[in-house]
Amino acid sequence: MNATLRFNEALLITGRAFQPFQCVTWVSQGGDGSLDLSVIDRTGTRLLGLTRIPSSAYSDPEQLEDLLVQARDELNREGYRLQEWHMPA
């Protein structure tokens, strides 16, 4: 995927990256267009604390992939098992 991602595409990709858990994503209150995300389990327990994704990163597929892989790795180190995931082509 080489094209610039639109906001909604980035949200869909981000949500799918953390299955079977839920990824809650919202626009940062800072007014800079960045996204904040948390990953929670079915009981509402936060697994991954607040992670900020700048708009320059979520619009660039390679940068978004790098950030999502880092966040997935953090969850794996903490013992959470995520479904297999790959950045869409």
PDB file of N, CA and C in Angstrom:
ATOM      1  N   MET A   1       0.851  -1.164   0.000  1.00  0.00           N
ATOM      2  CA  MET A   1       0.000   0.000   0.000  1.00  0.00           C
ATOM      3  C   MET A   1       0.898   1.230   0.000  1.00  0.00           C
ATOM      4  N   ASN A   2       0.871   1.979  -1.071  1.00  0.00           N
ATOM      5  CA  ASN A   2       1.732   3.144  -1.200  1.00  0.00           C
ATOM      6  C   ASN A   2       0.971   4.457  -1.102  1.00  0.00           C
ATOM      7  N   ALA A   3      -0.328   4.435  -1.334  1.00  0.00           N
ATOM      8  CA  ALA A   3      -1.107   5.661  -1.342  1.00  0.00           C
ATOM      9  C   ALA A   3      -1.304   6.183   0.074  1.00  0.00           C
ATOM     10  N   THR A   4      -1.567   7.468   0.164  1.00  0.00           N
ATOM     11  CA  THR A   4      -1.876   8.085   1.446  1.00  0.00           C
ATOM     12  C   THR A   4      -3.213   7.548   1.942  1.00  0.00           C
ATOM     13  N   LEU A   5      -3.262   7.222   3.238  1.00  0.00           N
ATOM     14  CA  LEU A   5      -4.496   6.705   3.827  1.00  0.00           C
ATOM     15  C   LEU A   5      -5.428   7.843   4.216  1.00  0.00           C
ATOM     16  N   ARG A   6      -6.701   7.617   4.007  1.00  0.00           N
ATOM     17  CA  ARG A   6      -7.700   8.552   4.501  1.00  0.00           C
ATOM     18  C   ARG A   6      -7.975   8.217   5.965  1.00  0.00           C
ATOM     19  N   PHE A   7      -8.548   9.147   6.667  1.00  0.00           N
ATOM     20  CA  PHE A   7      -8.838   9.011   8.091  1.00  0.00           C
ATOM     21  C   PHE A   7      -9.621   7.731   8.386  1.00  0.00           C
ATOM     22  N   ASN A   8     -10.710   7.502   7.657  1.00  0.00           N
ATOM     23  CA  ASN A   8     -11.552   6.324   7.911  1.00  0.00           C
ATOM     24  C   ASN A   8     -10.806   5.021   7.631  1.00  0.00           C
ATOM     25  N   GLU A   9      -9.959   5.006   6.622  1.00  0.00           N
ATOM     26  CA  GLU A   9      -9.156   3.810   6.340  1.00  0.00           C
ATOM     27  C   GLU A   9      -8.217   3.515   7.505  1.00  0.00           C
ATOM     28  N   ALA A  10      -7.587   4.545   8.028  1.00  0.00           N
ATOM     29  CA  ALA A  10      -6.677   4.369   9.163  1.00  0.00           C
ATOM     30  C   ALA A  10      -7.421   3.827  10.381  1.00  0.00           C
ATOM     31  N   LEU A  11      -8.637   4.313  10.613  1.00  0.00           N
ATOM     32  CA  LEU A  11      -9.434   3.811  11.738  1.00  0.00           C
ATOM     33  C   LEU A  11      -9.761   2.333  11.577  1.00  0.00           C
ATOM     34  N   LEU A  12     -10.159   1.927  10.383  1.00  0.00           N
ATOM     35  CA  LEU A  12     -10.482   0.521  10.139  1.00  0.00           C
ATOM     36  C   LEU A  12      -9.261  -0.372  10.322  1.00  0.00           C
ATOM     37  N   ILE A  13      -8.143   0.043   9.785  1.00  0.00           N
ATOM     38  CA  ILE A  13      -6.910  -0.738   9.901  1.00  0.00           C
ATOM     39  C   ILE A  13      -6.504  -0.862  11.364  1.00  0.00           C
ATOM     40  N   THR A  14      -6.571   0.241  12.078  1.00  0.00           N
ATOM     41  CA  THR A  14      -6.191   0.240  13.492  1.00  0.00           C
ATOM     42  C   THR A  14      -7.087  -0.691  14.296  1.00  0.00           C
ATOM     43  N   GLY A  15      -8.372  -0.642  14.051  1.00  0.00           N
ATOM     44  CA  GLY A  15      -9.301  -1.511  14.776  1.00  0.00           C
ATOM     45  C   GLY A  15      -9.038  -2.982  14.530  1.00  0.00           C
ATOM     46  N   ARG A  16      -8.704  -3.326  13.319  1.00  0.00           N
ATOM     47  CA  ARG A  16      -8.457  -4.735  12.975  1.00  0.00           C
ATOM     48  C   ARG A  16      -7.128  -5.251  13.514  1.00  0.00           C
ATOM     49  N   ALA A  17      -6.195  -4.360  13.778  1.00  0.00           N
ATOM     50  CA  ALA A  17      -4.858  -4.764  14.215  1.00  0.00           C
ATOM     51  C   ALA A  17      -4.844  -5.370  15.607  1.00  0.00           C
ATOM     52  N   PHE A  18      -5.884  -5.153  16.399  1.00  0.00           N
ATOM     53  CA  PHE A  18      -5.854  -5.579  17.797  1.00  0.00           C
ATOM     54  C   PHE A  18      -6.902  -6.631  18.140  1.00  0.00           C
ATOM     55  N   GLN A  19      -7.480  -7.268  17.151  1.00  0.00           N
ATOM     56  CA  GLN A  19      -8.464  -8.304  17.413  1.00  0.00           C
ATOM     57  C   GLN A  19      -7.810  -9.487  18.094  1.00  0.00           C
ATOM     58  N   PRO A  20      -8.422 -10.129  19.033  1.00  0.00           N
ATOM     59  CA  PRO A  20      -9.834 -10.127  19.379  1.00  0.00           C
ATOM     60  C   PRO A  20     -10.239  -9.037  20.365  1.00  0.00           C
ATOM     61  N   PHE A  21      -9.351  -8.130  20.685  1.00  0.00           N
ATOM     62  CA  PHE A  21      -9.674  -7.058  21.615  1.00  0.00           C
ATOM     63  C   PHE A  21     -10.262  -5.883  20.860  1.00  0.00           C
ATOM     64  N   GLN A  22     -10.812  -4.945  21.609  1.00  0.00           N
ATOM     65  CA  GLN A  22     -11.425  -3.780  21.002  1.00  0.00           C
ATOM     66  C   GLN A  22     -10.452  -2.611  21.043  1.00  0.00           C
ATOM     67  N   CYS A  23     -10.361  -1.927  19.937  1.00  0.00           N
ATOM     68  CA  CYS A  23      -9.521  -0.740  19.849  1.00  0.00           C
ATOM     69  C   CYS A  23     -10.454   0.465  19.824  1.00  0.00           C
ATOM     70  N   VAL A  24     -10.292   1.332  20.806  1.00  0.00           N
ATOM     71  CA  VAL A  24     -11.083   2.554  20.877  1.00  0.00           C
ATOM     72  C   VAL A  24     -10.190   3.689  20.409  1.00  0.00           C
ATOM     73  N   THR A  25     -10.633   4.385  19.383  1.00  0.00           N
ATOM     74  CA  THR A  25      -9.827   5.442  18.775  1.00  0.00           C
ATOM     75  C   THR A  25     -10.647   6.720  18.699  1.00  0.00           C
ATOM     76  N   TRP A  26     -10.012   7.817  19.010  1.00  0.00           N
ATOM     77  CA  TRP A  26     -10.688   9.105  18.930  1.00  0.00           C
ATOM     78  C   TRP A  26      -9.691  10.172  18.532  1.00  0.00           C
ATOM     79  N   VAL A  27     -10.211  11.288  18.032  1.00  0.00           N
ATOM     80  CA  VAL A  27      -9.366  12.404  17.623  1.00  0.00           C
ATOM     81  C   VAL A  27      -8.894  13.126  18.878  1.00  0.00           C
ATOM     82  N   SER A  28      -7.624  13.375  18.948  1.00  0.00           N
ATOM     83  CA  SER A  28      -7.017  14.044  20.093  1.00  0.00           C
ATOM     84  C   SER A  28      -7.623  15.424  20.301  1.00  0.00           C
ATOM     85  N   GLN A  29      -7.745  15.817  21.550  1.00  0.00           N
ATOM     86  CA  GLN A  29      -8.289  17.135  21.883  1.00  0.00           C
ATOM     87  C   GLN A  29      -7.293  18.264  21.621  1.00  0.00           C
ATOM     88  N   GLY A  30      -6.062  17.914  21.275  1.00  0.00           N
ATOM     89  CA  GLY A  30      -5.036  18.922  21.043  1.00  0.00           C
ATOM     90  C   GLY A  30      -5.242  19.753  19.794  1.00  0.00           C
ATOM     91  N   GLY A  31      -6.145  19.340  18.921  1.00  0.00           N
ATOM     92  CA  GLY A  31      -6.420  20.093  17.710  1.00  0.00           C
ATOM     93  C   GLY A  31      -5.401  19.907  16.608  1.00  0.00           C
ATOM     94  N   ASP A  32      -4.482  18.945  16.779  1.00  0.00           N
ATOM     95  CA  ASP A  32      -3.445  18.733  15.773  1.00  0.00           C
ATOM     96  C   ASP A  32      -3.794  17.613  14.795  1.00  0.00           C
ATOM     97  N   GLY A  33      -4.983  17.027  14.927  1.00  0.00           N
ATOM     98  CA  GLY A  33      -5.411  15.977  14.011  1.00  0.00           C
ATOM     99  C   GLY A  33      -4.905  14.598  14.357  1.00  0.00           C
ATOM    100  N   SER A  34      -4.186  14.463  15.467  1.00  0.00           N
ATOM    101  CA  SER A  34      -3.663  13.146  15.833  1.00  0.00           C
ATOM    102  C   SER A  34      -4.780  12.271  16.407  1.00  0.00           C
ATOM    103  N   LEU A  35      -4.533  10.973  16.398  1.00  0.00           N
ATOM    104  CA  LEU A  35      -5.470  10.000  16.958  1.00  0.00           C
ATOM    105  C   LEU A  35      -4.922   9.481  18.272  1.00  0.00           C
ATOM    106  N   ASP A  36      -5.812   9.291  19.225  1.00  0.00           N
ATOM    107  CA  ASP A  36      -5.475   8.611  20.463  1.00  0.00           C
ATOM    108  C   ASP A  36      -6.158   7.252  20.404  1.00  0.00           C
ATOM    109  N   LEU A  37      -5.461   6.222  20.899  1.00  0.00           N
ATOM    110  CA  LEU A  37      -6.092   4.908  20.907  1.00  0.00           C
ATOM    111  C   LEU A  37      -5.762   4.168  22.181  1.00  0.00           C
ATOM    112  N   SER A  38      -6.714   3.342  22.577  1.00  0.00           N
ATOM    113  CA  SER A  38      -6.541   2.411  23.685  1.00  0.00           C
ATOM    114  C   SER A  38      -7.092   1.081  23.231  1.00  0.00           C
ATOM    115  N   VAL A  39      -6.513   0.014  23.751  1.00  0.00           N
ATOM    116  CA  VAL A  39      -7.010  -1.331  23.478  1.00  0.00           C
ATOM    117  C   VAL A  39      -7.592  -1.849  24.778  1.00  0.00           C
ATOM    118  N   ILE A  40      -8.829  -2.354  24.702  1.00  0.00           N
ATOM    119  CA  ILE A  40      -9.500  -2.862  25.889  1.00  0.00           C
ATOM    120  C   ILE A  40     -10.003  -4.279  25.640  1.00  0.00           C
ATOM    121  N   ASP A  41     -10.179  -5.027  26.728  1.00  0.00           N
ATOM    122  CA  ASP A  41     -10.727  -6.375  26.585  1.00  0.00           C
ATOM    123  C   ASP A  41     -12.243  -6.330  26.753  1.00  0.00           C
ATOM    124  N   ARG A  42     -12.875  -7.493  26.742  1.00  0.00           N
ATOM    125  CA  ARG A  42     -14.339  -7.549  26.784  1.00  0.00           C
ATOM    126  C   ARG A  42     -14.908  -7.095  28.121  1.00  0.00           C
ATOM    127  N   THR A  43     -14.095  -7.079  29.168  1.00  0.00           N
ATOM    128  CA  THR A  43     -14.568  -6.629  30.477  1.00  0.00           C
ATOM    129  C   THR A  43     -14.392  -5.128  30.656  1.00  0.00           C
ATOM    130  N   GLY A  44     -13.808  -4.461  29.681  1.00  0.00           N
ATOM    131  CA  GLY A  44     -13.586  -3.034  29.767  1.00  0.00           C
ATOM    132  C   GLY A  44     -12.257  -2.659  30.397  1.00  0.00           C
ATOM    133  N   THR A  45     -11.404  -3.659  30.632  1.00  0.00           N
ATOM    134  CA  THR A  45     -10.091  -3.404  31.204  1.00  0.00           C
ATOM    135  C   THR A  45      -9.158  -2.890  30.121  1.00  0.00           C
ATOM    136  N   ARG A  46      -8.484  -1.815  30.399  1.00  0.00           N
ATOM    137  CA  ARG A  46      -7.555  -1.238  29.428  1.00  0.00           C
ATOM    138  C   ARG A  46      -6.291  -2.085  29.396  1.00  0.00           C
ATOM    139  N   LEU A  47      -5.958  -2.618  28.225  1.00  0.00           N
ATOM    140  CA  LEU A  47      -4.775  -3.446  28.053  1.00  0.00           C
ATOM    141  C   LEU A  47      -3.584  -2.619  27.617  1.00  0.00           C
ATOM    142  N   LEU A  48      -3.836  -1.714  26.721  1.00  0.00           N
ATOM    143  CA  LEU A  48      -2.784  -0.848  26.197  1.00  0.00           C
ATOM    144  C   LEU A  48      -3.221   0.574  26.472  1.00  0.00           C
ATOM    145  N   GLY A  49      -2.440   1.270  27.248  1.00  0.00           N
ATOM    146  CA  GLY A  49      -2.785   2.638  27.593  1.00  0.00           C
ATOM    147  C   GLY A  49      -2.795   3.537  26.382  1.00  0.00           C
ATOM    148  N   LEU A  50      -3.046   4.746  26.637  1.00  0.00           N
ATOM    149  CA  LEU A  50      -3.176   5.732  25.581  1.00  0.00           C
ATOM    150  C   LEU A  50      -1.941   5.775  24.686  1.00  0.00           C
ATOM    151  N   THR A  51      -2.183   5.620  23.412  1.00  0.00           N
ATOM    152  CA  THR A  51      -1.135   5.737  22.407  1.00  0.00           C
ATOM    153  C   THR A  51      -1.573   6.823  21.431  1.00  0.00           C
ATOM    154  N   ARG A  52      -0.685   7.739  21.141  1.00  0.00           N
ATOM    155  CA  ARG A  52      -1.007   8.837  20.225  1.00  0.00           C
ATOM    156  C   ARG A  52      -0.370   8.571  18.864  1.00  0.00           C
ATOM    157  N   ILE A  53      -1.167   8.728  17.828  1.00  0.00           N
ATOM    158  CA  ILE A  53      -0.692   8.551  16.455  1.00  0.00           C
ATOM    159  C   ILE A  53      -0.851   9.896  15.740  1.00  0.00           C
ATOM    160  N   PRO A  54       0.250  10.541  15.407  1.00  0.00           N
ATOM    161  CA  PRO A  54       0.152  11.824  14.691  1.00  0.00           C
ATOM    162  C   PRO A  54      -0.501  11.637  13.315  1.00  0.00           C
ATOM    163  N   SER A  55      -1.141  12.682  12.824  1.00  0.00           N
ATOM    164  CA  SER A  55      -1.811  12.584  11.525  1.00  0.00           C
ATOM    165  C   SER A  55      -0.830  12.227  10.421  1.00  0.00           C
ATOM    166  N   SER A  56       0.409  12.660  10.537  1.00  0.00           N
ATOM    167  CA  SER A  56       1.405  12.319   9.513  1.00  0.00           C
ATOM    168  C   SER A  56       1.690  10.821   9.501  1.00  0.00           C
ATOM    169  N   ALA A  57       1.536  10.162  10.652  1.00  0.00           N
ATOM    170  CA  ALA A  57       1.793   8.724  10.731  1.00  0.00           C
ATOM    171  C   ALA A  57       0.584   7.914  10.287  1.00  0.00           C
ATOM    172  N   TYR A  58      -0.621   8.318  10.674  1.00  0.00           N
ATOM    173  CA  TYR A  58      -1.771   7.499  10.269  1.00  0.00           C
ATOM    174  C   TYR A  58      -2.120   7.678   8.804  1.00  0.00           C
ATOM    175  N   SER A  59      -1.641   8.721   8.177  1.00  0.00           N
ATOM    176  CA  SER A  59      -1.903   8.881   6.739  1.00  0.00           C
ATOM    177  C   SER A  59      -0.853   8.174   5.887  1.00  0.00           C
ATOM    178  N   ASP A  60       0.259   7.778   6.495  1.00  0.00           N
ATOM    179  CA  ASP A  60       1.334   7.075   5.788  1.00  0.00           C
ATOM    180  C   ASP A  60       1.276   5.595   6.169  1.00  0.00           C
ATOM    181  N   PRO A  61       0.964   4.718   5.226  1.00  0.00           N
ATOM    182  CA  PRO A  61       0.801   3.291   5.541  1.00  0.00           C
ATOM    183  C   PRO A  61       2.002   2.664   6.244  1.00  0.00           C
ATOM    184  N   GLU A  62       3.209   3.034   5.838  1.00  0.00           N
ATOM    185  CA  GLU A  62       4.398   2.435   6.457  1.00  0.00           C
ATOM    186  C   GLU A  62       4.564   2.884   7.904  1.00  0.00           C
ATOM    187  N   GLN A  63       4.357   4.163   8.153  1.00  0.00           N
ATOM    188  CA  GLN A  63       4.467   4.665   9.523  1.00  0.00           C
ATOM    189  C   GLN A  63       3.376   4.083  10.411  1.00  0.00           C
ATOM    190  N   LEU A  64       2.154   4.002   9.882  1.00  0.00           N
ATOM    191  CA  LEU A  64       1.057   3.436  10.657  1.00  0.00           C
ATOM    192  C   LEU A  64       1.349   1.979  10.996  1.00  0.00           C
ATOM    193  N   GLU A  65       1.828   1.231  10.015  1.00  0.00           N
ATOM    194  CA  GLU A  65       2.171  -0.167  10.258  1.00  0.00           C
ATOM    195  C   GLU A  65       3.228  -0.293  11.357  1.00  0.00           C
ATOM    196  N   ASP A  66       4.266   0.527  11.297  1.00  0.00           N
ATOM    197  CA  ASP A  66       5.321   0.476  12.316  1.00  0.00           C
ATOM    198  C   ASP A  66       4.759   0.732  13.714  1.00  0.00           C
ATOM    199  N   LEU A  67       3.915   1.744  13.851  1.00  0.00           N
ATOM    200  CA  LEU A  67       3.338   2.062  15.155  1.00  0.00           C
ATOM    201  C   LEU A  67       2.424   0.945  15.656  1.00  0.00           C
ATOM    202  N   LEU A  68       1.631   0.370  14.756  1.00  0.00           N
ATOM    203  CA  LEU A  68       0.729  -0.703  15.160  1.00  0.00           C
ATOM    204  C   LEU A  68       1.501  -1.960  15.552  1.00  0.00           C
ATOM    205  N   VAL A  69       2.552  -2.268  14.824  1.00  0.00           N
ATOM    206  CA  VAL A  69       3.382  -3.430  15.159  1.00  0.00           C
ATOM    207  C   VAL A  69       4.024  -3.233  16.531  1.00  0.00           C
ATOM    208  N   GLN A  70       4.508  -2.031  16.825  1.00  0.00           N
ATOM    209  CA  GLN A  70       5.094  -1.750  18.136  1.00  0.00           C
ATOM    210  C   GLN A  70       4.069  -1.950  19.249  1.00  0.00           C
ATOM    211  N   ALA A  71       2.860  -1.448  19.041  1.00  0.00           N
ATOM    212  CA  ALA A  71       1.812  -1.593  20.046  1.00  0.00           C
ATOM    213  C   ALA A  71       1.422  -3.061  20.216  1.00  0.00           C
ATOM    214  N   ARG A  72       1.337  -3.801  19.120  1.00  0.00           N
ATOM    215  CA  ARG A  72       1.026  -5.237  19.203  1.00  0.00           C
ATOM    216  C   ARG A  72       2.136  -5.976  19.945  1.00  0.00           C
ATOM    217  N   ASP A  73       3.377  -5.630  19.668  1.00  0.00           N
ATOM    218  CA  ASP A  73       4.503  -6.266  20.355  1.00  0.00           C
ATOM    219  C   ASP A  73       4.431  -6.026  21.858  1.00  0.00           C
ATOM    220  N   GLU A  74       4.054  -4.811  22.244  1.00  0.00           N
ATOM    221  CA  GLU A  74       3.933  -4.493  23.666  1.00  0.00           C
ATOM    222  C   GLU A  74       2.879  -5.387  24.331  1.00  0.00           C
ATOM    223  N   LEU A  75       1.755  -5.551  23.667  1.00  0.00           N
ATOM    224  CA  LEU A  75       0.708  -6.420  24.220  1.00  0.00           C
ATOM    225  C   LEU A  75       1.174  -7.873  24.291  1.00  0.00           C
ATOM    226  N   ASN A  76       1.865  -8.332  23.267  1.00  0.00           N
ATOM    227  CA  ASN A  76       2.379  -9.704  23.274  1.00  0.00           C
ATOM    228  C   ASN A  76       3.354  -9.915  24.425  1.00  0.00           C
ATOM    229  N   ARG A  77       4.214  -8.937  24.681  1.00  0.00           N
ATOM    230  CA  ARG A  77       5.170  -9.042  25.799  1.00  0.00           C
ATOM    231  C   ARG A  77       4.449  -9.123  27.139  1.00  0.00           C
ATOM    232  N   GLU A  78       3.274  -8.502  27.216  1.00  0.00           N
ATOM    233  CA  GLU A  78       2.494  -8.526  28.452  1.00  0.00           C
ATOM    234  C   GLU A  78       1.635  -9.781  28.563  1.00  0.00           C
ATOM    235  N   GLY A  79       1.728 -10.663  27.568  1.00  0.00           N
ATOM    236  CA  GLY A  79       1.026 -11.935  27.629  1.00  0.00           C
ATOM    237  C   GLY A  79      -0.315 -11.998  26.931  1.00  0.00           C
ATOM    238  N   TYR A  80      -0.707 -10.957  26.249  1.00  0.00           N
ATOM    239  CA  TYR A  80      -1.979 -10.964  25.519  1.00  0.00           C
ATOM    240  C   TYR A  80      -1.762 -11.556  24.136  1.00  0.00           C
ATOM    241  N   ARG A  81      -2.667 -12.403  23.727  1.00  0.00           N
ATOM    242  CA  ARG A  81      -2.561 -13.058  22.428  1.00  0.00           C
ATOM    243  C   ARG A  81      -3.513 -12.399  21.437  1.00  0.00           C
ATOM    244  N   LEU A  82      -2.927 -11.840  20.420  1.00  0.00           N
ATOM    245  CA  LEU A  82      -3.696 -11.186  19.364  1.00  0.00           C
ATOM    246  C   LEU A  82      -3.820 -12.119  18.167  1.00  0.00           C
ATOM    247  N   GLN A  83      -4.869 -11.895  17.391  1.00  0.00           N
ATOM    248  CA  GLN A  83      -5.009 -12.628  16.149  1.00  0.00           C
ATOM    249  C   GLN A  83      -3.913 -12.196  15.191  1.00  0.00           C
ATOM    250  N   GLU A  84      -3.563 -13.086  14.289  1.00  0.00           N
ATOM    251  CA  GLU A  84      -2.571 -12.733  13.266  1.00  0.00           C
ATOM    252  C   GLU A  84      -3.089 -11.532  12.477  1.00  0.00           C
ATOM    253  N   TRP A  85      -2.175 -10.652  12.141  1.00  0.00           N
ATOM    254  CA  TRP A  85      -2.551  -9.430  11.418  1.00  0.00           C
ATOM    255  C   TRP A  85      -1.433  -9.007  10.510  1.00  0.00           C
ATOM    256  N   HIS A  86      -1.809  -8.492   9.348  1.00  0.00           N
ATOM    257  CA  HIS A  86      -0.859  -7.907   8.402  1.00  0.00           C
ATOM    258  C   HIS A  86      -1.473  -6.629   7.862  1.00  0.00           C
ATOM    259  N   MET A  87      -0.634  -5.659   7.615  1.00  0.00           N
ATOM    260  CA  MET A  87      -1.105  -4.419   7.009  1.00  0.00           C
ATOM    261  C   MET A  87      -1.702  -4.731   5.650  1.00  0.00           C
ATOM    262  N   PRO A  88      -2.895  -4.216   5.367  1.00  0.00           N
ATOM    263  CA  PRO A  88      -3.511  -4.480   4.056  1.00  0.00           C
ATOM    264  C   PRO A  88      -2.637  -3.958   2.915  1.00  0.00           C
ATOM    265  N   ALA A  89      -2.673  -4.675   1.827  1.00  0.00           N
ATOM    266  CA  ALA A  89      -1.893  -4.280   0.635  1.00  0.00           C
ATOM    267  C   ALA A  89      -2.634  -3.290  -0.207  1.00  0.00           C
TER     268      ALA A  89
END
